[in-house]
Amino acid sequence: MPAKIRLQRRGRKKQPFYHIVVADARAPRDGRFIEKIGTYNPMTKPATIDLDREKAFDWLMKGAQPTHTARAILRFKGVMYKKHLQRGVSKGALTQEQADSMFENWVAEKEAKIASRVEAEAKSHADHLAYISGQPPKVEEPAPAVEETTEEATAEASDAAEAASGEEE
């Protein structure tokens, strides 16, 4: 039985939502499936992908073939990279510990990039809402310049301290 990793459309008209499933290649697009391994929502910015990486990796290693879109999602989430590293382990180019650490580093960097995109999108959305409501956009003021010489700053601080103590008397 040839297995495929593909998208199964859900949602309403003009509001797509997809389940990422492993299905028999002969089954209809929205028909029977073997296992659901995640979801994909293209309507959010950036698109929301919830994927069980371990299940997807297991199915890839068993020989399941992803469709073009499913392959792009698996590549984005790092499953294809993990498969690539595992091939290196099986050929003896890497140890399992090296491959695992490389994958964990990649995932951490990728999650940081995604978080920054979400932050930027939220800021852009907030600026857009402020523009629509007529409020001027918030402009971040630059931090004051730091004095380069510490001796002058120390002397000024001591003069200010003496002046303050002289005023108290």
N, C-alpha and C. Protein backbone atom coordinates (compact mmCIF):
# COMPACT_ATOMS: atom_id res chain seq x y z
N MET A 1 0.85 -1.17 0.00
CA MET A 1 0.00 0.00 0.00
C MET A 1 0.90 1.24 0.00
N PRO A 2 0.92 2.05 -1.08
CA PRO A 2 1.72 3.27 -1.09
C PRO A 2 1.03 4.35 -0.26
N ALA A 3 1.79 4.94 0.66
CA ALA A 3 1.24 5.97 1.54
C ALA A 3 1.71 7.35 1.09
N LYS A 4 0.83 8.33 1.25
CA LYS A 4 1.14 9.71 0.89
C LYS A 4 0.91 10.59 2.11
N ILE A 5 1.75 11.59 2.26
CA ILE A 5 1.51 12.64 3.24
C ILE A 5 0.94 13.80 2.44
N ARG A 6 -0.30 14.19 2.77
CA ARG A 6 -0.95 15.23 1.98
C ARG A 6 -1.89 16.06 2.83
N LEU A 7 -2.46 17.08 2.20
CA LEU A 7 -3.39 17.97 2.88
C LEU A 7 -4.82 17.51 2.60
N GLN A 8 -5.64 17.63 3.64
CA GLN A 8 -7.05 17.30 3.54
C GLN A 8 -7.82 18.58 3.85
N ARG A 9 -8.55 19.10 2.89
CA ARG A 9 -9.19 20.39 3.05
C ARG A 9 -10.38 20.33 4.00
N ARG A 10 -10.41 21.29 4.88
CA ARG A 10 -11.52 21.51 5.80
C ARG A 10 -11.86 23.00 5.74
N GLY A 11 -12.79 23.43 6.52
CA GLY A 11 -13.13 24.85 6.54
C GLY A 11 -14.25 25.17 5.57
N ARG A 12 -14.59 26.45 5.52
CA ARG A 12 -15.70 26.88 4.69
C ARG A 12 -15.21 27.43 3.36
N LYS A 13 -16.15 27.85 2.57
CA LYS A 13 -15.82 28.46 1.29
C LYS A 13 -15.01 29.73 1.52
N LYS A 14 -13.90 29.85 0.82
CA LYS A 14 -12.96 30.98 0.92
C LYS A 14 -12.31 31.12 2.28
N GLN A 15 -12.43 30.12 3.12
CA GLN A 15 -11.74 30.09 4.41
C GLN A 15 -11.13 28.70 4.60
N PRO A 16 -10.05 28.41 3.88
CA PRO A 16 -9.51 27.05 3.94
C PRO A 16 -8.80 26.76 5.25
N PHE A 17 -8.86 25.53 5.64
CA PHE A 17 -8.15 25.00 6.79
C PHE A 17 -7.82 23.56 6.42
N TYR A 18 -6.61 23.14 6.67
CA TYR A 18 -6.19 21.82 6.21
C TYR A 18 -5.71 20.95 7.36
N HIS A 19 -6.00 19.66 7.24
CA HIS A 19 -5.40 18.66 8.11
C HIS A 19 -4.27 18.03 7.31
N ILE A 20 -3.14 17.82 7.96
CA ILE A 20 -2.03 17.12 7.32
C ILE A 20 -2.17 15.66 7.72
N VAL A 21 -2.38 14.80 6.72
CA VAL A 21 -2.68 13.40 7.00
C VAL A 21 -1.78 12.47 6.21
N VAL A 22 -1.68 11.25 6.71
CA VAL A 22 -1.04 10.17 5.97
C VAL A 22 -2.20 9.31 5.47
N ALA A 23 -2.25 9.13 4.14
CA ALA A 23 -3.37 8.40 3.55
C ALA A 23 -2.86 7.47 2.46
N ASP A 24 -3.68 6.49 2.15
CA ASP A 24 -3.40 5.62 1.01
C ASP A 24 -3.46 6.48 -0.24
N ALA A 25 -2.53 6.27 -1.16
CA ALA A 25 -2.47 7.09 -2.36
C ALA A 25 -3.72 6.95 -3.22
N ARG A 26 -4.45 5.85 -3.09
CA ARG A 26 -5.64 5.62 -3.90
C ARG A 26 -6.89 6.22 -3.29
N ALA A 27 -6.83 6.67 -2.04
CA ALA A 27 -8.00 7.24 -1.37
C ALA A 27 -8.27 8.66 -1.89
N PRO A 28 -9.54 9.09 -1.88
CA PRO A 28 -9.84 10.46 -2.33
C PRO A 28 -9.23 11.50 -1.40
N ARG A 29 -9.11 12.74 -1.91
CA ARG A 29 -8.43 13.80 -1.17
C ARG A 29 -9.00 13.98 0.24
N ASP A 30 -10.30 14.07 0.36
CA ASP A 30 -10.92 14.30 1.66
C ASP A 30 -11.51 13.02 2.24
N GLY A 31 -11.08 11.88 1.74
CA GLY A 31 -11.63 10.60 2.18
C GLY A 31 -10.87 10.00 3.35
N ARG A 32 -10.80 8.66 3.34
CA ARG A 32 -10.17 7.94 4.44
C ARG A 32 -8.70 8.26 4.53
N PHE A 33 -8.20 8.23 5.76
CA PHE A 33 -6.79 8.44 5.99
C PHE A 33 -6.31 7.50 7.07
N ILE A 34 -5.00 7.30 7.12
CA ILE A 34 -4.41 6.39 8.10
C ILE A 34 -4.19 7.09 9.43
N GLU A 35 -3.58 8.30 9.37
CA GLU A 35 -3.26 9.01 10.60
C GLU A 35 -3.19 10.50 10.32
N LYS A 36 -3.72 11.30 11.26
CA LYS A 36 -3.62 12.75 11.18
C LYS A 36 -2.36 13.16 11.94
N ILE A 37 -1.47 13.92 11.26
CA ILE A 37 -0.21 14.30 11.91
C ILE A 37 -0.09 15.80 12.14
N GLY A 38 -1.09 16.59 11.71
CA GLY A 38 -1.00 18.01 11.98
C GLY A 38 -2.10 18.80 11.30
N THR A 39 -2.00 20.14 11.45
CA THR A 39 -2.95 21.05 10.82
C THR A 39 -2.18 22.20 10.19
N TYR A 40 -2.83 22.85 9.24
CA TYR A 40 -2.25 23.98 8.52
C TYR A 40 -3.35 25.00 8.28
N ASN A 41 -3.14 26.23 8.75
CA ASN A 41 -4.11 27.30 8.56
C ASN A 41 -3.45 28.42 7.77
N PRO A 42 -3.72 28.53 6.47
CA PRO A 42 -3.08 29.57 5.67
C PRO A 42 -3.70 30.95 5.84
N MET A 43 -4.78 31.07 6.57
CA MET A 43 -5.48 32.35 6.69
C MET A 43 -4.86 33.28 7.72
N THR A 44 -4.02 32.78 8.59
CA THR A 44 -3.37 33.64 9.58
C THR A 44 -2.08 34.19 8.99
N LYS A 45 -1.60 35.28 9.55
CA LYS A 45 -0.33 35.85 9.10
C LYS A 45 0.64 35.82 10.25
N PRO A 46 1.76 35.15 10.17
CA PRO A 46 2.10 34.15 9.18
C PRO A 46 1.25 32.90 9.37
N ALA A 47 1.23 32.04 8.37
CA ALA A 47 0.40 30.84 8.40
C ALA A 47 0.72 29.99 9.62
N THR A 48 -0.30 29.40 10.22
CA THR A 48 -0.14 28.57 11.41
C THR A 48 0.01 27.11 10.99
N ILE A 49 1.10 26.50 11.44
CA ILE A 49 1.34 25.09 11.14
C ILE A 49 1.56 24.37 12.46
N ASP A 50 0.73 23.39 12.74
CA ASP A 50 0.88 22.56 13.93
C ASP A 50 1.14 21.14 13.43
N LEU A 51 2.37 20.66 13.66
CA LEU A 51 2.77 19.38 13.09
C LEU A 51 3.48 18.56 14.14
N ASP A 52 3.14 17.28 14.22
CA ASP A 52 3.86 16.35 15.08
C ASP A 52 5.08 15.88 14.28
N ARG A 53 6.23 16.46 14.59
CA ARG A 53 7.44 16.20 13.81
C ARG A 53 7.85 14.73 13.88
N GLU A 54 7.70 14.13 15.04
CA GLU A 54 8.14 12.73 15.20
C GLU A 54 7.30 11.78 14.34
N LYS A 55 5.98 11.97 14.34
CA LYS A 55 5.12 11.11 13.51
C LYS A 55 5.43 11.31 12.04
N ALA A 56 5.60 12.56 11.62
CA ALA A 56 5.91 12.84 10.22
C ALA A 56 7.24 12.20 9.83
N PHE A 57 8.24 12.31 10.71
CA PHE A 57 9.54 11.72 10.44
C PHE A 57 9.43 10.19 10.33
N ASP A 58 8.68 9.58 11.25
CA ASP A 58 8.49 8.13 11.20
C ASP A 58 7.86 7.69 9.88
N TRP A 59 6.83 8.42 9.43
CA TRP A 59 6.18 8.05 8.19
C TRP A 59 7.11 8.25 6.99
N LEU A 60 7.92 9.31 7.02
CA LEU A 60 8.89 9.49 5.93
C LEU A 60 9.89 8.35 5.88
N MET A 61 10.34 7.91 7.06
CA MET A 61 11.31 6.82 7.10
C MET A 61 10.68 5.49 6.68
N LYS A 62 9.36 5.38 6.83
CA LYS A 62 8.65 4.17 6.38
C LYS A 62 8.40 4.19 4.87
N GLY A 63 8.65 5.33 4.23
CA GLY A 63 8.50 5.40 2.79
C GLY A 63 7.32 6.21 2.30
N ALA A 64 6.61 6.91 3.17
CA ALA A 64 5.49 7.74 2.72
C ALA A 64 6.02 8.90 1.87
N GLN A 65 5.35 9.18 0.77
CA GLN A 65 5.77 10.24 -0.14
C GLN A 65 4.90 11.47 0.07
N PRO A 66 5.50 12.61 0.41
CA PRO A 66 4.70 13.84 0.57
C PRO A 66 4.36 14.47 -0.78
N THR A 67 3.22 15.13 -0.85
CA THR A 67 2.87 15.92 -2.03
C THR A 67 3.73 17.18 -2.02
N HIS A 68 3.65 17.99 -3.07
CA HIS A 68 4.50 19.17 -3.16
C HIS A 68 4.26 20.14 -2.00
N THR A 69 3.01 20.41 -1.72
CA THR A 69 2.70 21.34 -0.64
C THR A 69 3.07 20.74 0.72
N ALA A 70 2.79 19.47 0.91
CA ALA A 70 3.15 18.82 2.17
C ALA A 70 4.66 18.80 2.34
N ARG A 71 5.40 18.60 1.25
CA ARG A 71 6.87 18.61 1.32
C ARG A 71 7.37 20.00 1.74
N ALA A 72 6.74 21.05 1.23
CA ALA A 72 7.13 22.41 1.62
C ALA A 72 6.88 22.64 3.10
N ILE A 73 5.77 22.14 3.61
CA ILE A 73 5.46 22.28 5.03
C ILE A 73 6.45 21.48 5.87
N LEU A 74 6.75 20.27 5.45
CA LEU A 74 7.71 19.44 6.18
C LEU A 74 9.10 20.07 6.16
N ARG A 75 9.48 20.68 5.06
CA ARG A 75 10.77 21.36 4.97
C ARG A 75 10.78 22.56 5.92
N PHE A 76 9.70 23.32 5.95
CA PHE A 76 9.60 24.50 6.82
C PHE A 76 9.71 24.12 8.29
N LYS A 77 9.11 23.00 8.66
CA LYS A 77 9.13 22.56 10.06
C LYS A 77 10.37 21.75 10.42
N GLY A 78 11.22 21.42 9.45
CA GLY A 78 12.48 20.76 9.74
C GLY A 78 12.47 19.25 9.65
N VAL A 79 11.38 18.66 9.25
CA VAL A 79 11.29 17.20 9.17
C VAL A 79 12.21 16.69 8.07
N MET A 80 12.24 17.39 6.94
CA MET A 80 13.11 16.96 5.84
C MET A 80 14.59 17.10 6.24
N TYR A 81 14.92 18.13 7.02
CA TYR A 81 16.29 18.30 7.50
C TYR A 81 16.67 17.16 8.43
N LYS A 82 15.73 16.76 9.29
CA LYS A 82 16.00 15.65 10.20
C LYS A 82 16.23 14.36 9.42
N LYS A 83 15.46 14.16 8.35
CA LYS A 83 15.67 12.98 7.51
C LYS A 83 17.05 13.03 6.86
N HIS A 84 17.44 14.22 6.41
CA HIS A 84 18.76 14.40 5.81
C HIS A 84 19.86 14.05 6.81
N LEU A 85 19.73 14.53 8.04
CA LEU A 85 20.72 14.23 9.08
C LEU A 85 20.75 12.73 9.39
N GLN A 86 19.58 12.12 9.40
CA GLN A 86 19.51 10.69 9.71
C GLN A 86 20.20 9.86 8.64
N ARG A 87 20.11 10.30 7.38
CA ARG A 87 20.84 9.61 6.32
C ARG A 87 22.34 9.72 6.54
N GLY A 88 22.80 10.89 7.05
CA GLY A 88 24.22 11.06 7.37
C GLY A 88 24.65 10.12 8.48
N VAL A 89 23.77 9.92 9.46
CA VAL A 89 24.07 9.00 10.56
C VAL A 89 24.16 7.57 10.02
N SER A 90 23.24 7.18 9.16
CA SER A 90 23.25 5.81 8.64
C SER A 90 24.47 5.55 7.76
N LYS A 91 25.01 6.59 7.13
CA LYS A 91 26.19 6.43 6.28
C LYS A 91 27.49 6.54 7.08
N GLY A 92 27.39 6.95 8.34
CA GLY A 92 28.56 7.05 9.19
C GLY A 92 29.25 8.40 9.17
N ALA A 93 28.66 9.40 8.52
CA ALA A 93 29.26 10.73 8.47
C ALA A 93 29.07 11.48 9.78
N LEU A 94 28.02 11.17 10.51
CA LEU A 94 27.69 11.83 11.78
C LEU A 94 27.37 10.78 12.83
N THR A 95 27.48 11.20 14.08
CA THR A 95 26.96 10.36 15.15
C THR A 95 25.53 10.81 15.44
N GLN A 96 24.77 10.00 16.12
CA GLN A 96 23.38 10.35 16.43
C GLN A 96 23.32 11.59 17.32
N GLU A 97 24.27 11.72 18.26
CA GLU A 97 24.30 12.88 19.15
C GLU A 97 24.56 14.16 18.37
N GLN A 98 25.49 14.12 17.41
CA GLN A 98 25.77 15.29 16.60
C GLN A 98 24.54 15.68 15.78
N ALA A 99 23.90 14.69 15.19
CA ALA A 99 22.72 14.97 14.38
C ALA A 99 21.60 15.57 15.23
N ASP A 100 21.41 15.02 16.44
CA ASP A 100 20.36 15.55 17.32
C ASP A 100 20.66 16.98 17.73
N SER A 101 21.92 17.27 18.07
CA SER A 101 22.28 18.64 18.48
C SER A 101 22.14 19.61 17.31
N MET A 102 22.53 19.19 16.11
CA MET A 102 22.38 20.04 14.93
C MET A 102 20.90 20.33 14.67
N PHE A 103 20.06 19.32 14.82
CA PHE A 103 18.63 19.52 14.60
C PHE A 103 18.04 20.44 15.66
N GLU A 104 18.41 20.25 16.92
CA GLU A 104 17.87 21.11 17.99
C GLU A 104 18.29 22.56 17.79
N ASN A 105 19.54 22.79 17.38
CA ASN A 105 19.99 24.16 17.10
C ASN A 105 19.20 24.77 15.95
N TRP A 106 18.96 23.98 14.91
CA TRP A 106 18.20 24.47 13.77
C TRP A 106 16.78 24.84 14.18
N VAL A 107 16.16 23.99 14.98
CA VAL A 107 14.79 24.24 15.43
C VAL A 107 14.73 25.51 16.28
N ALA A 108 15.71 25.69 17.16
CA ALA A 108 15.71 26.89 18.01
C ALA A 108 15.84 28.16 17.17
N GLU A 109 16.73 28.15 16.19
CA GLU A 109 16.89 29.31 15.32
C GLU A 109 15.62 29.58 14.53
N LYS A 110 15.01 28.52 14.02
CA LYS A 110 13.80 28.67 13.22
C LYS A 110 12.65 29.22 14.05
N GLU A 111 12.50 28.72 15.28
CA GLU A 111 11.44 29.22 16.17
C GLU A 111 11.66 30.68 16.50
N ALA A 112 12.91 31.10 16.67
CA ALA A 112 13.21 32.51 16.94
C ALA A 112 12.81 33.38 15.74
N LYS A 113 13.11 32.92 14.53
CA LYS A 113 12.73 33.66 13.33
C LYS A 113 11.22 33.80 13.23
N ILE A 114 10.52 32.71 13.51
CA ILE A 114 9.06 32.74 13.43
C ILE A 114 8.49 33.68 14.47
N ALA A 115 9.05 33.66 15.68
CA ALA A 115 8.57 34.56 16.74
C ALA A 115 8.80 36.01 16.35
N SER A 116 9.93 36.32 15.73
CA SER A 116 10.17 37.70 15.32
C SER A 116 9.20 38.11 14.21
N ARG A 117 8.86 37.18 13.31
CA ARG A 117 7.87 37.49 12.28
C ARG A 117 6.51 37.77 12.89
N VAL A 118 6.13 36.97 13.87
CA VAL A 118 4.83 37.18 14.53
C VAL A 118 4.82 38.53 15.23
N GLU A 119 5.92 38.87 15.90
CA GLU A 119 6.03 40.17 16.57
C GLU A 119 5.92 41.30 15.58
N ALA A 120 6.64 41.20 14.48
CA ALA A 120 6.62 42.25 13.46
C ALA A 120 5.22 42.41 12.87
N GLU A 121 4.54 41.29 12.65
CA GLU A 121 3.19 41.35 12.10
C GLU A 121 2.23 41.99 13.10
N ALA A 122 2.39 41.67 14.39
CA ALA A 122 1.53 42.28 15.42
C ALA A 122 1.78 43.78 15.50
N LYS A 123 3.04 44.20 15.43
CA LYS A 123 3.37 45.62 15.47
C LYS A 123 2.80 46.33 14.25
N SER A 124 2.93 45.71 13.08
CA SER A 124 2.41 46.29 11.86
C SER A 124 0.89 46.42 11.94
N HIS A 125 0.24 45.41 12.49
CA HIS A 125 -1.21 45.45 12.65
C HIS A 125 -1.62 46.56 13.61
N ALA A 126 -0.89 46.70 14.71
CA ALA A 126 -1.19 47.76 15.68
C ALA A 126 -0.99 49.14 15.05
N ASP A 127 0.08 49.32 14.28
CA ASP A 127 0.31 50.59 13.60
C ASP A 127 -0.80 50.89 12.59
N HIS A 128 -1.25 49.86 11.90
CA HIS A 128 -2.32 50.03 10.93
C HIS A 128 -3.62 50.45 11.63
N LEU A 129 -3.92 49.81 12.74
CA LEU A 129 -5.13 50.18 13.49
C LEU A 129 -5.04 51.61 14.01
N ALA A 130 -3.85 52.01 14.46
CA ALA A 130 -3.66 53.38 14.94
C ALA A 130 -3.83 54.37 13.79
N TYR A 131 -3.33 54.03 12.62
CA TYR A 131 -3.46 54.90 11.45
C TYR A 131 -4.93 55.05 11.05
N ILE A 132 -5.66 53.96 11.09
CA ILE A 132 -7.08 54.00 10.73
C ILE A 132 -7.86 54.86 11.71
N SER A 133 -7.55 54.74 12.99
CA SER A 133 -8.28 55.49 14.00
C SER A 133 -7.85 56.95 14.06
N GLY A 134 -6.79 57.33 13.33
CA GLY A 134 -6.38 58.73 13.29
C GLY A 134 -5.31 59.09 14.29
N GLN A 135 -4.83 58.17 15.06
CA GLN A 135 -3.79 58.46 16.02
C GLN A 135 -2.44 58.42 15.31
N PRO A 136 -1.54 59.32 15.69
CA PRO A 136 -0.21 59.27 15.07
C PRO A 136 0.54 58.01 15.52
N PRO A 137 1.36 57.45 14.66
CA PRO A 137 2.09 56.24 15.05
C PRO A 137 3.11 56.54 16.13
N LYS A 138 3.35 55.56 16.97
CA LYS A 138 4.33 55.72 18.04
C LYS A 138 5.73 55.67 17.45
N VAL A 139 6.51 56.70 17.77
CA VAL A 139 7.88 56.76 17.29
C VAL A 139 8.79 56.56 18.48
N GLU A 140 9.64 55.57 18.37
CA GLU A 140 10.56 55.30 19.48
C GLU A 140 11.67 56.33 19.46
N GLU A 141 11.87 56.98 20.62
CA GLU A 141 12.93 57.98 20.72
C GLU A 141 14.26 57.27 20.94
N PRO A 142 15.30 57.79 20.28
CA PRO A 142 16.61 57.16 20.48
C PRO A 142 17.12 57.38 21.90
N ALA A 143 17.90 56.43 22.38
CA ALA A 143 18.46 56.53 23.72
C ALA A 143 19.47 57.68 23.76
N PRO A 144 19.59 58.37 24.90
CA PRO A 144 20.56 59.46 24.98
C PRO A 144 21.98 58.93 24.79
N ALA A 145 22.81 59.80 24.22
CA ALA A 145 24.19 59.40 23.94
C ALA A 145 24.96 59.19 25.24
N VAL A 146 25.77 58.17 25.29
CA VAL A 146 26.57 57.86 26.47
C VAL A 146 27.87 58.64 26.38
N GLU A 147 28.24 59.29 27.52
CA GLU A 147 29.47 60.07 27.53
C GLU A 147 30.67 59.14 27.42
N GLU A 148 31.66 59.59 26.64
CA GLU A 148 32.80 58.73 26.36
C GLU A 148 33.83 58.75 27.48
N THR A 149 34.01 59.88 28.12
CA THR A 149 35.06 59.97 29.15
C THR A 149 34.45 59.76 30.51
N THR A 150 34.97 58.84 31.25
CA THR A 150 34.44 58.55 32.57
C THR A 150 35.00 59.50 33.62
N GLU A 151 36.17 60.05 33.38
CA GLU A 151 36.76 60.98 34.35
C GLU A 151 35.91 62.24 34.45
N GLU A 152 35.48 62.78 33.29
CA GLU A 152 34.64 63.99 33.31
C GLU A 152 33.31 63.70 33.97
N ALA A 153 32.73 62.54 33.72
CA ALA A 153 31.45 62.19 34.32
C ALA A 153 31.59 62.05 35.83
N THR A 154 32.70 61.45 36.28
CA THR A 154 32.93 61.30 37.71
C THR A 154 33.11 62.67 38.37
N ALA A 155 33.83 63.56 37.71
CA ALA A 155 34.04 64.90 38.26
C ALA A 155 32.73 65.67 38.33
N GLU A 156 31.91 65.59 37.29
CA GLU A 156 30.62 66.27 37.30
C GLU A 156 29.71 65.70 38.38
N ALA A 157 29.72 64.40 38.59
CA ALA A 157 28.89 63.78 39.62
C ALA A 157 29.33 64.22 41.01
N SER A 158 30.65 64.32 41.23
CA SER A 158 31.13 64.77 42.55
C SER A 158 30.80 66.23 42.76
N ASP A 159 30.90 67.08 41.71
CA ASP A 159 30.52 68.50 41.85
C ASP A 159 29.05 68.62 42.16
N ALA A 160 28.22 67.83 41.54
CA ALA A 160 26.79 67.87 41.79
C ALA A 160 26.48 67.42 43.20
N ALA A 161 27.19 66.41 43.69
CA ALA A 161 26.99 65.93 45.06
C ALA A 161 27.39 67.00 46.07
N GLU A 162 28.50 67.71 45.83
CA GLU A 162 28.94 68.78 46.73
C GLU A 162 27.92 69.92 46.73
N ALA A 163 27.39 70.26 45.56
CA ALA A 163 26.43 71.35 45.46
C ALA A 163 25.15 70.97 46.20
N ALA A 164 24.74 69.74 46.10
CA ALA A 164 23.53 69.28 46.78
C ALA A 164 23.71 69.31 48.29
N SER A 165 24.91 68.91 48.78
CA SER A 165 25.14 68.92 50.21
C SER A 165 25.28 70.33 50.74
N GLY A 166 25.81 71.25 49.90
CA GLY A 166 25.94 72.65 50.30
C GLY A 166 24.58 73.32 50.39
N GLU A 167 23.61 72.92 49.58
CA GLU A 167 22.28 73.52 49.61
C GLU A 167 21.50 73.06 50.82
N GLU A 168 21.80 71.88 51.32
CA GLU A 168 21.05 71.34 52.45
C GLU A 168 21.38 72.08 53.74
N GLU A 169 22.58 72.68 53.85
CA GLU A 169 23.01 73.33 55.10
C GLU A 169 22.39 74.64 55.33
